[in-house]
Amino acid sequence: MAKTTKAAAKTEKTETKAAETTKAAAKTEKAETKPVAKKTAAKTAAKAVVKETKVNVTIEFQSKNTSVDTLVEAVKEAYKADGNTDAVESIELFVQPENGVAYYVVNGKTEGKSVNL
């Protein structure tokens, strides 16, 4: 009976070591998975950056035409010609092609100004 007890104790000891090895392996695997997951998420986020869509708008009325880009440049020049030194952060355009005019607001302040189409 002593041999059976020793054999059972030896088997139990082996099973305990196996369980500890399995736990250690699981912790190592979990630790290795986290950085890889973070790197993969960062790469995916970098790829998800949306490229800006280029749009070209042309306004036509009674055989005259102009592009929005041309209007924006005209507004910037008119704004600076009026003696403004602030950087142009925003422009709101109100186009009236029947009058041949585009009214603008720069940085939410300049109002009632216009440029010809």
Protein backbone atom coordinates (compact mmCIF):
# COMPACT_ATOMS: atom_id res chain seq x y z
CA MET A 1 0.00 0.00 0.00
CA ALA A 2 2.95 2.31 0.55
CA LYS A 3 3.93 1.92 -3.12
CA THR A 4 0.45 2.93 -4.26
CA THR A 5 0.51 6.02 -2.05
CA LYS A 6 3.96 7.00 -3.37
CA ALA A 7 2.79 6.45 -6.95
CA ALA A 8 -0.36 8.49 -6.31
CA ALA A 9 1.68 11.28 -4.71
CA LYS A 10 4.11 11.24 -7.66
CA THR A 11 1.20 11.39 -10.15
CA GLU A 12 -0.43 14.23 -8.22
CA LYS A 13 2.90 16.11 -8.15
CA THR A 14 3.30 15.65 -11.93
CA GLU A 15 -0.25 16.84 -12.54
CA THR A 16 0.34 19.92 -10.38
CA LYS A 17 3.51 20.77 -12.34
CA ALA A 18 1.64 20.28 -15.61
CA ALA A 19 -1.15 22.60 -14.44
CA GLU A 20 1.40 25.23 -13.39
CA THR A 21 3.16 24.94 -16.75
CA THR A 22 -0.16 25.34 -18.56
CA LYS A 23 -1.00 28.45 -16.50
CA ALA A 24 2.45 29.93 -17.17
CA ALA A 25 2.09 29.23 -20.88
CA ALA A 26 -1.34 30.86 -20.92
CA LYS A 27 0.03 33.98 -19.19
CA THR A 28 2.94 34.16 -21.65
CA GLU A 29 0.60 33.73 -24.61
CA LYS A 30 -1.72 36.42 -23.24
CA ALA A 31 1.19 38.80 -22.67
CA GLU A 32 2.47 38.22 -26.21
CA THR A 33 -0.99 38.73 -27.72
CA LYS A 34 -1.65 42.18 -26.26
CA PRO A 35 1.24 44.07 -27.94
CA VAL A 36 0.53 42.41 -31.26
CA ALA A 37 -3.13 43.35 -30.97
CA LYS A 38 -2.22 46.96 -30.15
CA LYS A 39 0.20 47.13 -33.09
CA THR A 40 -2.40 45.65 -35.42
CA ALA A 41 -5.03 48.12 -34.20
CA ALA A 42 -2.63 51.02 -34.76
CA LYS A 43 -1.87 49.84 -38.29
CA THR A 44 -5.57 49.44 -39.02
CA ALA A 45 -6.29 52.94 -37.70
CA ALA A 46 -3.51 54.37 -39.85
CA LYS A 47 -4.94 52.68 -42.93
CA ALA A 48 -8.42 53.97 -42.05
CA VAL A 49 -7.34 57.59 -42.61
CA VAL A 50 -9.74 58.91 -45.19
CA LYS A 51 -8.19 60.79 -48.07
CA GLU A 52 -9.79 64.13 -48.84
CA THR A 53 -11.97 64.12 -51.91
CA LYS A 54 -11.02 66.77 -54.43
CA VAL A 55 -14.05 68.68 -55.69
CA ASN A 56 -14.13 71.28 -58.45
CA VAL A 57 -17.28 73.40 -58.64
CA THR A 58 -17.94 75.78 -61.53
CA ILE A 59 -20.77 78.29 -61.40
CA GLU A 60 -22.30 79.13 -64.79
CA PHE A 61 -24.93 81.74 -65.52
CA GLN A 62 -25.79 83.59 -68.74
CA SER A 63 -22.65 82.53 -70.60
CA LYS A 64 -20.35 83.51 -67.70
CA ASN A 65 -18.57 81.02 -65.50
CA THR A 66 -16.20 80.97 -62.55
CA SER A 67 -14.91 78.31 -60.18
CA VAL A 68 -15.26 78.30 -56.43
CA ASP A 69 -11.46 78.20 -56.12
CA THR A 70 -11.25 81.44 -58.14
CA LEU A 71 -13.85 83.06 -55.87
CA VAL A 72 -12.00 81.98 -52.73
CA GLU A 73 -8.74 83.49 -54.02
CA ALA A 74 -10.57 86.72 -54.96
CA VAL A 75 -12.07 86.92 -51.46
CA LYS A 76 -8.66 86.42 -49.83
CA GLU A 77 -7.14 89.16 -51.99
CA ALA A 78 -10.03 91.56 -51.31
CA TYR A 79 -9.83 90.83 -47.57
CA LYS A 80 -6.12 91.70 -47.49
CA ALA A 81 -6.62 94.72 -49.79
CA ASP A 82 -9.04 96.12 -47.18
CA GLY A 83 -6.09 96.23 -44.75
CA ASN A 84 -6.95 93.12 -42.74
CA THR A 85 -3.90 91.34 -41.32
CA ASP A 86 -5.67 88.47 -39.55
CA ALA A 87 -5.21 85.00 -41.05
CA VAL A 88 -8.18 83.78 -43.07
CA GLU A 89 -9.55 80.84 -41.10
CA SER A 90 -13.03 80.59 -42.59
CA ILE A 91 -14.90 81.97 -45.57
CA GLU A 92 -18.63 81.93 -46.19
CA LEU A 93 -19.67 82.64 -49.78
CA PHE A 94 -23.11 83.73 -50.96
CA VAL A 95 -23.16 83.65 -54.75
CA GLN A 96 -25.72 85.64 -56.72
CA PRO A 97 -24.93 84.82 -60.34
CA GLU A 98 -27.87 86.88 -61.66
CA ASN A 99 -26.17 89.97 -60.17
CA GLY A 100 -22.62 88.84 -61.01
CA VAL A 101 -21.61 89.10 -57.36
CA ALA A 102 -20.44 86.85 -54.53
CA TYR A 103 -20.89 88.21 -51.01
CA TYR A 104 -18.57 86.90 -48.34
CA VAL A 105 -17.96 86.69 -44.61
CA VAL A 106 -14.40 86.10 -43.42
CA ASN A 107 -13.72 84.63 -39.97
CA GLY A 108 -17.34 85.34 -39.02
CA LYS A 109 -16.60 89.09 -38.84
CA THR A 110 -16.34 90.80 -42.18
CA GLU A 111 -19.86 91.26 -43.55
CA GLY A 112 -21.42 93.07 -46.48
CA LYS A 113 -18.36 92.73 -48.69
CA SER A 114 -18.47 91.32 -52.18
CA VAL A 115 -16.38 90.33 -55.18
CA ASN A 116 -17.46 90.31 -58.80
CA LEU A 117 -17.88 87.01 -60.60
